[in-house]
PDB file of N, CA and C in Angstrom:
ATOM      1  N   MET A   1     -12.212 -30.483   0.452  1.00  0.00           N
ATOM      2  CA  MET A   1     -11.701 -30.175  -0.861  1.00  0.00           C
ATOM      3  C   MET A   1     -12.825 -30.355  -1.879  1.00  0.00           C
ATOM      4  N   LEU A   2     -12.844 -29.500  -2.900  1.00  0.00           N
ATOM      5  CA  LEU A   2     -13.853 -29.561  -3.963  1.00  0.00           C
ATOM      6  C   LEU A   2     -13.187 -29.775  -5.311  1.00  0.00           C
ATOM      7  N   THR A   3     -13.851 -30.552  -6.144  1.00  0.00           N
ATOM      8  CA  THR A   3     -13.462 -30.680  -7.547  1.00  0.00           C
ATOM      9  C   THR A   3     -14.599 -30.111  -8.379  1.00  0.00           C
ATOM     10  N   VAL A   4     -14.263 -29.239  -9.305  1.00  0.00           N
ATOM     11  CA  VAL A   4     -15.246 -28.600 -10.167  1.00  0.00           C
ATOM     12  C   VAL A   4     -14.952 -29.014 -11.607  1.00  0.00           C
ATOM     13  N   ILE A   5     -15.969 -29.518 -12.282  1.00  0.00           N
ATOM     14  CA  ILE A   5     -15.858 -29.889 -13.692  1.00  0.00           C
ATOM     15  C   ILE A   5     -16.857 -29.038 -14.462  1.00  0.00           C
ATOM     16  N   ALA A   6     -16.335 -28.195 -15.330  1.00  0.00           N
ATOM     17  CA  ALA A   6     -17.194 -27.321 -16.143  1.00  0.00           C
ATOM     18  C   ALA A   6     -16.951 -27.611 -17.613  1.00  0.00           C
ATOM     19  N   THR A   7     -18.011 -27.633 -18.401  1.00  0.00           N
ATOM     20  CA  THR A   7     -17.886 -27.735 -19.848  1.00  0.00           C
ATOM     21  C   THR A   7     -18.541 -26.511 -20.466  1.00  0.00           C
ATOM     22  N   LEU A   8     -17.848 -25.955 -21.446  1.00  0.00           N
ATOM     23  CA  LEU A   8     -18.342 -24.785 -22.169  1.00  0.00           C
ATOM     24  C   LEU A   8     -18.159 -25.054 -23.651  1.00  0.00           C
ATOM     25  N   SER A   9     -19.189 -24.813 -24.426  1.00  0.00           N
ATOM     26  CA  SER A   9     -19.124 -25.034 -25.867  1.00  0.00           C
ATOM     27  C   SER A   9     -19.410 -23.750 -26.611  1.00  0.00           C
ATOM     28  N   SER A  10     -18.807 -23.656 -27.794  1.00  0.00           N
ATOM     29  CA  SER A  10     -19.047 -22.514 -28.669  1.00  0.00           C
ATOM     30  C   SER A  10     -19.019 -22.993 -30.114  1.00  0.00           C
ATOM     31  N   GLU A  11     -19.532 -22.166 -30.991  1.00  0.00           N
ATOM     32  CA  GLU A  11     -19.379 -22.454 -32.410  1.00  0.00           C
ATOM     33  C   GLU A  11     -17.891 -22.377 -32.737  1.00  0.00           C
ATOM     34  N   ASN A  12     -17.462 -23.131 -33.729  1.00  0.00           N
ATOM     35  CA  ASN A  12     -16.042 -23.150 -34.086  1.00  0.00           C
ATOM     36  C   ASN A  12     -15.505 -21.760 -34.407  1.00  0.00           C
ATOM     37  N   SER A  13     -16.333 -20.906 -34.976  1.00  0.00           N
ATOM     38  CA  SER A  13     -15.889 -19.557 -35.338  1.00  0.00           C
ATOM     39  C   SER A  13     -15.552 -18.704 -34.118  1.00  0.00           C
ATOM     40  N   ASP A  14     -16.069 -19.064 -32.940  1.00  0.00           N
ATOM     41  CA  ASP A  14     -15.804 -18.321 -31.708  1.00  0.00           C
ATOM     42  C   ASP A  14     -14.803 -19.026 -30.791  1.00  0.00           C
ATOM     43  N   ALA A  15     -14.307 -20.190 -31.211  1.00  0.00           N
ATOM     44  CA  ALA A  15     -13.491 -21.031 -30.338  1.00  0.00           C
ATOM     45  C   ALA A  15     -12.189 -20.361 -29.907  1.00  0.00           C
ATOM     46  N   GLU A  16     -11.501 -19.700 -30.795  1.00  0.00           N
ATOM     47  CA  GLU A  16     -10.222 -19.075 -30.432  1.00  0.00           C
ATOM     48  C   GLU A  16     -10.419 -17.944 -29.433  1.00  0.00           C
ATOM     49  N   ARG A  17     -11.460 -17.176 -29.629  1.00  0.00           N
ATOM     50  CA  ARG A  17     -11.751 -16.082 -28.689  1.00  0.00           C
ATOM     51  C   ARG A  17     -12.099 -16.628 -27.310  1.00  0.00           C
ATOM     52  N   LEU A  18     -12.904 -17.691 -27.270  1.00  0.00           N
ATOM     53  CA  LEU A  18     -13.251 -18.315 -25.999  1.00  0.00           C
ATOM     54  C   LEU A  18     -12.005 -18.899 -25.342  1.00  0.00           C
ATOM     55  N   LEU A  19     -11.151 -19.551 -26.121  1.00  0.00           N
ATOM     56  CA  LEU A  19      -9.924 -20.118 -25.571  1.00  0.00           C
ATOM     57  C   LEU A  19      -9.037 -19.038 -24.962  1.00  0.00           C
ATOM     58  N   THR A  20      -8.897 -17.919 -25.614  1.00  0.00           N
ATOM     59  CA  THR A  20      -8.095 -16.819 -25.070  1.00  0.00           C
ATOM     60  C   THR A  20      -8.632 -16.375 -23.717  1.00  0.00           C
ATOM     61  N   GLU A  21      -9.936 -16.231 -23.620  1.00  0.00           N
ATOM     62  CA  GLU A  21     -10.548 -15.821 -22.348  1.00  0.00           C
ATOM     63  C   GLU A  21     -10.373 -16.896 -21.278  1.00  0.00           C
ATOM     64  N   LEU A  22     -10.496 -18.170 -21.662  1.00  0.00           N
ATOM     65  CA  LEU A  22     -10.296 -19.258 -20.713  1.00  0.00           C
ATOM     66  C   LEU A  22      -8.853 -19.303 -20.215  1.00  0.00           C
ATOM     67  N   GLU A  23      -7.900 -19.086 -21.107  1.00  0.00           N
ATOM     68  CA  GLU A  23      -6.496 -19.078 -20.702  1.00  0.00           C
ATOM     69  C   GLU A  23      -6.197 -17.925 -19.743  1.00  0.00           C
ATOM     70  N   ASN A  24      -6.797 -16.777 -19.989  1.00  0.00           N
ATOM     71  CA  ASN A  24      -6.638 -15.648 -19.066  1.00  0.00           C
ATOM     72  C   ASN A  24      -7.233 -15.976 -17.698  1.00  0.00           C
ATOM     73  N   LEU A  25      -8.421 -16.600 -17.698  1.00  0.00           N
ATOM     74  CA  LEU A  25      -9.052 -17.002 -16.451  1.00  0.00           C
ATOM     75  C   LEU A  25      -8.202 -18.038 -15.722  1.00  0.00           C
ATOM     76  N   GLN A  26      -7.671 -18.986 -16.457  1.00  0.00           N
ATOM     77  CA  GLN A  26      -6.824 -20.014 -15.867  1.00  0.00           C
ATOM     78  C   GLN A  26      -5.598 -19.389 -15.189  1.00  0.00           C
ATOM     79  N   GLN A  27      -4.951 -18.483 -15.865  1.00  0.00           N
ATOM     80  CA  GLN A  27      -3.754 -17.847 -15.314  1.00  0.00           C
ATOM     81  C   GLN A  27      -4.074 -17.113 -14.010  1.00  0.00           C
ATOM     82  N   SER A  28      -5.149 -16.352 -13.997  1.00  0.00           N
ATOM     83  CA  SER A  28      -5.534 -15.620 -12.785  1.00  0.00           C
ATOM     84  C   SER A  28      -5.993 -16.550 -11.671  1.00  0.00           C
ATOM     85  N   SER A  29      -6.750 -17.572 -12.034  1.00  0.00           N
ATOM     86  CA  SER A  29      -7.297 -18.490 -11.035  1.00  0.00           C
ATOM     87  C   SER A  29      -6.202 -19.293 -10.353  1.00  0.00           C
ATOM     88  N   ARG A  30      -5.190 -19.675 -11.095  1.00  0.00           N
ATOM     89  CA  ARG A  30      -4.085 -20.449 -10.511  1.00  0.00           C
ATOM     90  C   ARG A  30      -3.327 -19.669  -9.440  1.00  0.00           C
ATOM     91  N   GLN A  31      -3.462 -18.357  -9.446  1.00  0.00           N
ATOM     92  CA  GLN A  31      -2.783 -17.521  -8.462  1.00  0.00           C
ATOM     93  C   GLN A  31      -3.623 -17.297  -7.209  1.00  0.00           C
ATOM     94  N   GLU A  32      -4.874 -17.734  -7.230  1.00  0.00           N
ATOM     95  CA  GLU A  32      -5.758 -17.534  -6.085  1.00  0.00           C
ATOM     96  C   GLU A  32      -5.393 -18.454  -4.924  1.00  0.00           C
ATOM     97  N   VAL A  33      -5.562 -17.934  -3.717  1.00  0.00           N
ATOM     98  CA  VAL A  33      -5.390 -18.747  -2.515  1.00  0.00           C
ATOM     99  C   VAL A  33      -6.438 -19.865  -2.549  1.00  0.00           C
ATOM    100  N   GLY A  34      -6.004 -21.084  -2.322  1.00  0.00           N
ATOM    101  CA  GLY A  34      -6.927 -22.210  -2.283  1.00  0.00           C
ATOM    102  C   GLY A  34      -7.089 -22.950  -3.590  1.00  0.00           C
ATOM    103  N   CYS A  35      -6.516 -22.432  -4.679  1.00  0.00           N
ATOM    104  CA  CYS A  35      -6.594 -23.134  -5.965  1.00  0.00           C
ATOM    105  C   CYS A  35      -5.485 -24.183  -6.002  1.00  0.00           C
ATOM    106  N   LEU A  36      -5.885 -25.440  -6.049  1.00  0.00           N
ATOM    107  CA  LEU A  36      -4.928 -26.540  -6.066  1.00  0.00           C
ATOM    108  C   LEU A  36      -4.632 -27.025  -7.484  1.00  0.00           C
ATOM    109  N   ARG A  37      -5.604 -26.847  -8.385  1.00  0.00           N
ATOM    110  CA  ARG A  37      -5.436 -27.296  -9.776  1.00  0.00           C
ATOM    111  C   ARG A  37      -6.444 -26.550 -10.640  1.00  0.00           C
ATOM    112  N   TYR A  38      -6.021 -26.201 -11.856  1.00  0.00           N
ATOM    113  CA  TYR A  38      -6.914 -25.531 -12.805  1.00  0.00           C
ATOM    114  C   TYR A  38      -6.422 -25.896 -14.203  1.00  0.00           C
ATOM    115  N   GLU A  39      -7.096 -26.839 -14.845  1.00  0.00           N
ATOM    116  CA  GLU A  39      -6.654 -27.359 -16.135  1.00  0.00           C
ATOM    117  C   GLU A  39      -7.720 -27.188 -17.203  1.00  0.00           C
ATOM    118  N   LEU A  40      -7.266 -27.005 -18.428  1.00  0.00           N
ATOM    119  CA  LEU A  40      -8.154 -26.869 -19.586  1.00  0.00           C
ATOM    120  C   LEU A  40      -7.901 -28.016 -20.559  1.00  0.00           C
ATOM    121  N   SER A  41      -8.975 -28.524 -21.149  1.00  0.00           N
ATOM    122  CA  SER A  41      -8.900 -29.528 -22.212  1.00  0.00           C
ATOM    123  C   SER A  41      -9.872 -29.114 -23.304  1.00  0.00           C
ATOM    124  N   VAL A  42      -9.664 -29.648 -24.517  1.00  0.00           N
ATOM    125  CA  VAL A  42     -10.504 -29.250 -25.649  1.00  0.00           C
ATOM    126  C   VAL A  42     -10.929 -30.465 -26.464  1.00  0.00           C
ATOM    127  N   LYS A  43     -12.119 -30.369 -27.058  1.00  0.00           N
ATOM    128  CA  LYS A  43     -12.640 -31.369 -27.989  1.00  0.00           C
ATOM    129  C   LYS A  43     -13.299 -30.619 -29.137  1.00  0.00           C
ATOM    130  N   ASN A  44     -12.930 -30.969 -30.357  1.00  0.00           N
ATOM    131  CA  ASN A  44     -13.492 -30.317 -31.541  1.00  0.00           C
ATOM    132  C   ASN A  44     -14.307 -31.316 -32.341  1.00  0.00           C
ATOM    133  N   ASP A  45     -15.371 -30.830 -32.958  1.00  0.00           N
ATOM    134  CA  ASP A  45     -16.057 -31.598 -33.987  1.00  0.00           C
ATOM    135  C   ASP A  45     -16.412 -30.648 -35.129  1.00  0.00           C
ATOM    136  N   ALA A  46     -17.187 -31.102 -36.063  1.00  0.00           N
ATOM    137  CA  ALA A  46     -17.462 -30.318 -37.266  1.00  0.00           C
ATOM    138  C   ALA A  46     -18.219 -29.028 -36.988  1.00  0.00           C
ATOM    139  N   GLU A  47     -19.022 -28.995 -35.921  1.00  0.00           N
ATOM    140  CA  GLU A  47     -19.894 -27.855 -35.682  1.00  0.00           C
ATOM    141  C   GLU A  47     -19.526 -27.007 -34.482  1.00  0.00           C
ATOM    142  N   GLN A  48     -18.867 -27.606 -33.480  1.00  0.00           N
ATOM    143  CA  GLN A  48     -18.591 -26.837 -32.273  1.00  0.00           C
ATOM    144  C   GLN A  48     -17.276 -27.270 -31.631  1.00  0.00           C
ATOM    145  N   THR A  49     -16.821 -26.434 -30.741  1.00  0.00           N
ATOM    146  CA  THR A  49     -15.651 -26.716 -29.925  1.00  0.00           C
ATOM    147  C   THR A  49     -16.103 -26.701 -28.470  1.00  0.00           C
ATOM    148  N   SER A  50     -15.679 -27.722 -27.721  1.00  0.00           N
ATOM    149  CA  SER A  50     -16.039 -27.812 -26.313  1.00  0.00           C
ATOM    150  C   SER A  50     -14.773 -27.793 -25.466  1.00  0.00           C
ATOM    151  N   TYR A  51     -14.835 -27.023 -24.398  1.00  0.00           N
ATOM    152  CA  TYR A  51     -13.728 -26.944 -23.455  1.00  0.00           C
ATOM    153  C   TYR A  51     -14.161 -27.553 -22.139  1.00  0.00           C
ATOM    154  N   LEU A  52     -13.268 -28.317 -21.539  1.00  0.00           N
ATOM    155  CA  LEU A  52     -13.493 -28.884 -20.221  1.00  0.00           C
ATOM    156  C   LEU A  52     -12.535 -28.177 -19.265  1.00  0.00           C
ATOM    157  N   VAL A  53     -13.090 -27.646 -18.195  1.00  0.00           N
ATOM    158  CA  VAL A  53     -12.299 -26.988 -17.161  1.00  0.00           C
ATOM    159  C   VAL A  53     -12.371 -27.873 -15.926  1.00  0.00           C
ATOM    160  N   SER A  54     -11.211 -28.319 -15.458  1.00  0.00           N
ATOM    161  CA  SER A  54     -11.123 -29.165 -14.281  1.00  0.00           C
ATOM    162  C   SER A  54     -10.386 -28.390 -13.193  1.00  0.00           C
ATOM    163  N   GLU A  55     -11.095 -28.130 -12.089  1.00  0.00           N
ATOM    164  CA  GLU A  55     -10.544 -27.311 -11.015  1.00  0.00           C
ATOM    165  C   GLU A  55     -10.569 -28.096  -9.712  1.00  0.00           C
ATOM    166  N   GLN A  56      -9.635 -27.784  -8.841  1.00  0.00           N
ATOM    167  CA  GLN A  56      -9.665 -28.339  -7.494  1.00  0.00           C
ATOM    168  C   GLN A  56      -9.379 -27.206  -6.523  1.00  0.00           C
ATOM    169  N   TRP A  57     -10.262 -27.079  -5.515  1.00  0.00           N
ATOM    170  CA  TRP A  57     -10.177 -26.002  -4.528  1.00  0.00           C
ATOM    171  C   TRP A  57     -10.036 -26.602  -3.139  1.00  0.00           C
ATOM    172  N   ALA A  58      -9.282 -25.938  -2.294  1.00  0.00           N
ATOM    173  CA  ALA A  58      -9.006 -26.429  -0.950  1.00  0.00           C
ATOM    174  C   ALA A  58     -10.266 -26.489  -0.086  1.00  0.00           C
ATOM    175  N   SER A  59     -11.225 -25.604  -0.348  1.00  0.00           N
ATOM    176  CA  SER A  59     -12.455 -25.580   0.442  1.00  0.00           C
ATOM    177  C   SER A  59     -13.563 -24.896  -0.344  1.00  0.00           C
ATOM    178  N   ASN A  60     -14.774 -25.039   0.137  1.00  0.00           N
ATOM    179  CA  ASN A  60     -15.908 -24.354  -0.462  1.00  0.00           C
ATOM    180  C   ASN A  60     -15.733 -22.836  -0.373  1.00  0.00           C
ATOM    181  N   GLU A  61     -15.149 -22.351   0.724  1.00  0.00           N
ATOM    182  CA  GLU A  61     -14.918 -20.911   0.882  1.00  0.00           C
ATOM    183  C   GLU A  61     -13.982 -20.375  -0.197  1.00  0.00           C
ATOM    184  N   HIS A  62     -12.963 -21.157  -0.526  1.00  0.00           N
ATOM    185  CA  HIS A  62     -12.047 -20.738  -1.591  1.00  0.00           C
ATOM    186  C   HIS A  62     -12.763 -20.695  -2.946  1.00  0.00           C
ATOM    187  N   PHE A  63     -13.604 -21.690  -3.188  1.00  0.00           N
ATOM    188  CA  PHE A  63     -14.349 -21.720  -4.451  1.00  0.00           C
ATOM    189  C   PHE A  63     -15.328 -20.549  -4.535  1.00  0.00           C
ATOM    190  N   GLU A  64     -15.994 -20.247  -3.430  1.00  0.00           N
ATOM    191  CA  GLU A  64     -16.916 -19.110  -3.414  1.00  0.00           C
ATOM    192  C   GLU A  64     -16.167 -17.799  -3.662  1.00  0.00           C
ATOM    193  N   ALA A  65     -14.988 -17.653  -3.066  1.00  0.00           N
ATOM    194  CA  ALA A  65     -14.178 -16.454  -3.304  1.00  0.00           C
ATOM    195  C   ALA A  65     -13.788 -16.362  -4.770  1.00  0.00           C
ATOM    196  N   HIS A  66     -13.470 -17.498  -5.376  1.00  0.00           N
ATOM    197  CA  HIS A  66     -13.133 -17.537  -6.808  1.00  0.00           C
ATOM    198  C   HIS A  66     -14.298 -17.022  -7.657  1.00  0.00           C
ATOM    199  N   LYS A  67     -15.497 -17.489  -7.355  1.00  0.00           N
ATOM    200  CA  LYS A  67     -16.665 -17.082  -8.144  1.00  0.00           C
ATOM    201  C   LYS A  67     -16.969 -15.595  -8.005  1.00  0.00           C
ATOM    202  N   ASN A  68     -16.490 -14.980  -6.935  1.00  0.00           N
ATOM    203  CA  ASN A  68     -16.711 -13.551  -6.715  1.00  0.00           C
ATOM    204  C   ASN A  68     -15.510 -12.685  -7.088  1.00  0.00           C
ATOM    205  N   ALA A  69     -14.459 -13.318  -7.579  1.00  0.00           N
ATOM    206  CA  ALA A  69     -13.252 -12.582  -7.954  1.00  0.00           C
ATOM    207  C   ALA A  69     -13.511 -11.726  -9.196  1.00  0.00           C
ATOM    208  N   PRO A  70     -12.898 -10.557  -9.267  1.00  0.00           N
ATOM    209  CA  PRO A  70     -13.097  -9.681 -10.433  1.00  0.00           C
ATOM    210  C   PRO A  70     -12.771 -10.356 -11.767  1.00  0.00           C
ATOM    211  N   HIS A  71     -11.717 -11.166 -11.824  1.00  0.00           N
ATOM    212  CA  HIS A  71     -11.363 -11.807 -13.095  1.00  0.00           C
ATOM    213  C   HIS A  71     -12.397 -12.858 -13.512  1.00  0.00           C
ATOM    214  N   PHE A  72     -13.059 -13.487 -12.549  1.00  0.00           N
ATOM    215  CA  PHE A  72     -14.109 -14.445 -12.884  1.00  0.00           C
ATOM    216  C   PHE A  72     -15.323 -13.720 -13.459  1.00  0.00           C
ATOM    217  N   LYS A  73     -15.693 -12.614 -12.838  1.00  0.00           N
ATOM    218  CA  LYS A  73     -16.826 -11.827 -13.341  1.00  0.00           C
ATOM    219  C   LYS A  73     -16.521 -11.233 -14.713  1.00  0.00           C
ATOM    220  N   ALA A  74     -15.283 -10.783 -14.919  1.00  0.00           N
ATOM    221  CA  ALA A  74     -14.886 -10.236 -16.221  1.00  0.00           C
ATOM    222  C   ALA A  74     -14.946 -11.317 -17.296  1.00  0.00           C
ATOM    223  N   PHE A  75     -14.570 -12.541 -16.947  1.00  0.00           N
ATOM    224  CA  PHE A  75     -14.662 -13.661 -17.876  1.00  0.00           C
ATOM    225  C   PHE A  75     -16.114 -13.863 -18.313  1.00  0.00           C
ATOM    226  N   GLY A  76     -17.028 -13.888 -17.360  1.00  0.00           N
ATOM    227  CA  GLY A  76     -18.444 -14.068 -17.672  1.00  0.00           C
ATOM    228  C   GLY A  76     -18.974 -12.991 -18.606  1.00  0.00           C
ATOM    229  N   ASP A  77     -18.566 -11.757 -18.354  1.00  0.00           N
ATOM    230  CA  ASP A  77     -18.998 -10.649 -19.216  1.00  0.00           C
ATOM    231  C   ASP A  77     -18.438 -10.791 -20.625  1.00  0.00           C
ATOM    232  N   ALA A  78     -17.196 -11.279 -20.729  1.00  0.00           N
ATOM    233  CA  ALA A  78     -16.527 -11.358 -22.034  1.00  0.00           C
ATOM    234  C   ALA A  78     -17.027 -12.501 -22.900  1.00  0.00           C
ATOM    235  N   VAL A  79     -17.482 -13.596 -22.298  1.00  0.00           N
ATOM    236  CA  VAL A  79     -17.803 -14.783 -23.088  1.00  0.00           C
ATOM    237  C   VAL A  79     -19.296 -15.102 -23.171  1.00  0.00           C
ATOM    238  N   GLY A  80     -20.113 -14.341 -22.488  1.00  0.00           N
ATOM    239  CA  GLY A  80     -21.542 -14.651 -22.450  1.00  0.00           C
ATOM    240  C   GLY A  80     -22.169 -14.915 -23.795  1.00  0.00           C
ATOM    241  N   GLU A  81     -21.835 -14.115 -24.773  1.00  0.00           N
ATOM    242  CA  GLU A  81     -22.450 -14.275 -26.102  1.00  0.00           C
ATOM    243  C   GLU A  81     -21.749 -15.347 -26.951  1.00  0.00           C
ATOM    244  N   LEU A  82     -20.604 -15.837 -26.517  1.00  0.00           N
ATOM    245  CA  LEU A  82     -19.860 -16.845 -27.281  1.00  0.00           C
ATOM    246  C   LEU A  82     -20.283 -18.267 -26.953  1.00  0.00           C
ATOM    247  N   ILE A  83     -20.796 -18.470 -25.747  1.00  0.00           N
ATOM    248  CA  ILE A  83     -21.079 -19.817 -25.253  1.00  0.00           C
ATOM    249  C   ILE A  83     -22.447 -20.292 -25.735  1.00  0.00           C
ATOM    250  N   THR A  84     -22.451 -21.483 -26.357  1.00  0.00           N
ATOM    251  CA  THR A  84     -23.707 -22.066 -26.830  1.00  0.00           C
ATOM    252  C   THR A  84     -24.292 -23.048 -25.811  1.00  0.00           C
ATOM    253  N   SER A  85     -23.443 -23.620 -24.951  1.00  0.00           N
ATOM    254  CA  SER A  85     -23.932 -24.474 -23.865  1.00  0.00           C
ATOM    255  C   SER A  85     -22.871 -24.527 -22.770  1.00  0.00           C
ATOM    256  N   THR A  86     -23.343 -24.762 -21.552  1.00  0.00           N
ATOM    257  CA  THR A  86     -22.439 -24.857 -20.414  1.00  0.00           C
ATOM    258  C   THR A  86     -23.023 -25.780 -19.368  1.00  0.00           C
ATOM    259  N   ASN A  87     -22.142 -26.415 -18.622  1.00  0.00           N
ATOM    260  CA  ASN A  87     -22.550 -27.262 -17.508  1.00  0.00           C
ATOM    261  C   ASN A  87     -21.456 -27.206 -16.452  1.00  0.00           C
ATOM    262  N   ILE A  88     -21.844 -27.073 -15.189  1.00  0.00           N
ATOM    263  CA  ILE A  88     -20.889 -27.024 -14.092  1.00  0.00           C
ATOM    264  C   ILE A  88     -21.334 -28.002 -13.011  1.00  0.00           C
ATOM    265  N   ASP A  89     -20.430 -28.909 -12.654  1.00  0.00           N
ATOM    266  CA  ASP A  89     -20.681 -29.872 -11.587  1.00  0.00           C
ATOM    267  C   ASP A  89     -19.629 -29.666 -10.507  1.00  0.00           C
ATOM    268  N   VAL A  90     -20.071 -29.689  -9.245  1.00  0.00           N
ATOM    269  CA  VAL A  90     -19.182 -29.512  -8.106  1.00  0.00           C
ATOM    270  C   VAL A  90     -19.252 -30.778  -7.259  1.00  0.00           C
ATOM    271  N   TYR A  91     -18.079 -31.353  -6.978  1.00  0.00           N
ATOM    272  CA  TYR A  91     -17.974 -32.590  -6.213  1.00  0.00           C
ATOM    273  C   TYR A  91     -17.174 -32.349  -4.940  1.00  0.00           C
ATOM    274  N   LYS A  92     -17.623 -32.928  -3.832  1.00  0.00           N
ATOM    275  CA  LYS A  92     -16.873 -32.891  -2.585  1.00  0.00           C
ATOM    276  C   LYS A  92     -15.984 -34.129  -2.527  1.00  0.00           C
ATOM    277  N   THR A  93     -14.754 -33.935  -2.086  1.00  0.00           N
ATOM    278  CA  THR A  93     -13.831 -35.056  -1.956  1.00  0.00           C
ATOM    279  C   THR A  93     -14.249 -35.948  -0.796  1.00  0.00           C
ATOM    280  N   ILE A  94     -14.192 -37.240  -1.015  1.00  0.00           N
ATOM    281  CA  ILE A  94     -14.521 -38.225   0.005  1.00  0.00           C
ATOM    282  C   ILE A  94     -13.222 -38.816   0.547  1.00  0.00           C
ATOM    283  N   GLY A  95     -13.121 -38.886   1.855  1.00  0.00           N
ATOM    284  CA  GLY A  95     -11.977 -39.543   2.492  1.00  0.00           C
ATOM    285  C   GLY A  95     -10.820 -38.716   2.677  1.00  0.00           C
TER     286      GLY A  95
END
């Protein structure tokens, strides 16, 4: 099992557009085989909005299929210019 923690930040003026795209991605991703959890959280400050995406996948193969899914690629195309910073960490479950 894999846990994926991604953070994406945007300027506040782009936050609603990014959130809409993230919600669309969340809805599609939750329907994928192997998706055990897909949650969004938000943090705002005076200059930017940051979103935390917490995902859990049944296997690395499921996660790889997710990254190659059409809706994932469409998300990347739609938000590329909105994101000011991003970080993705992938953890393997122990035990």
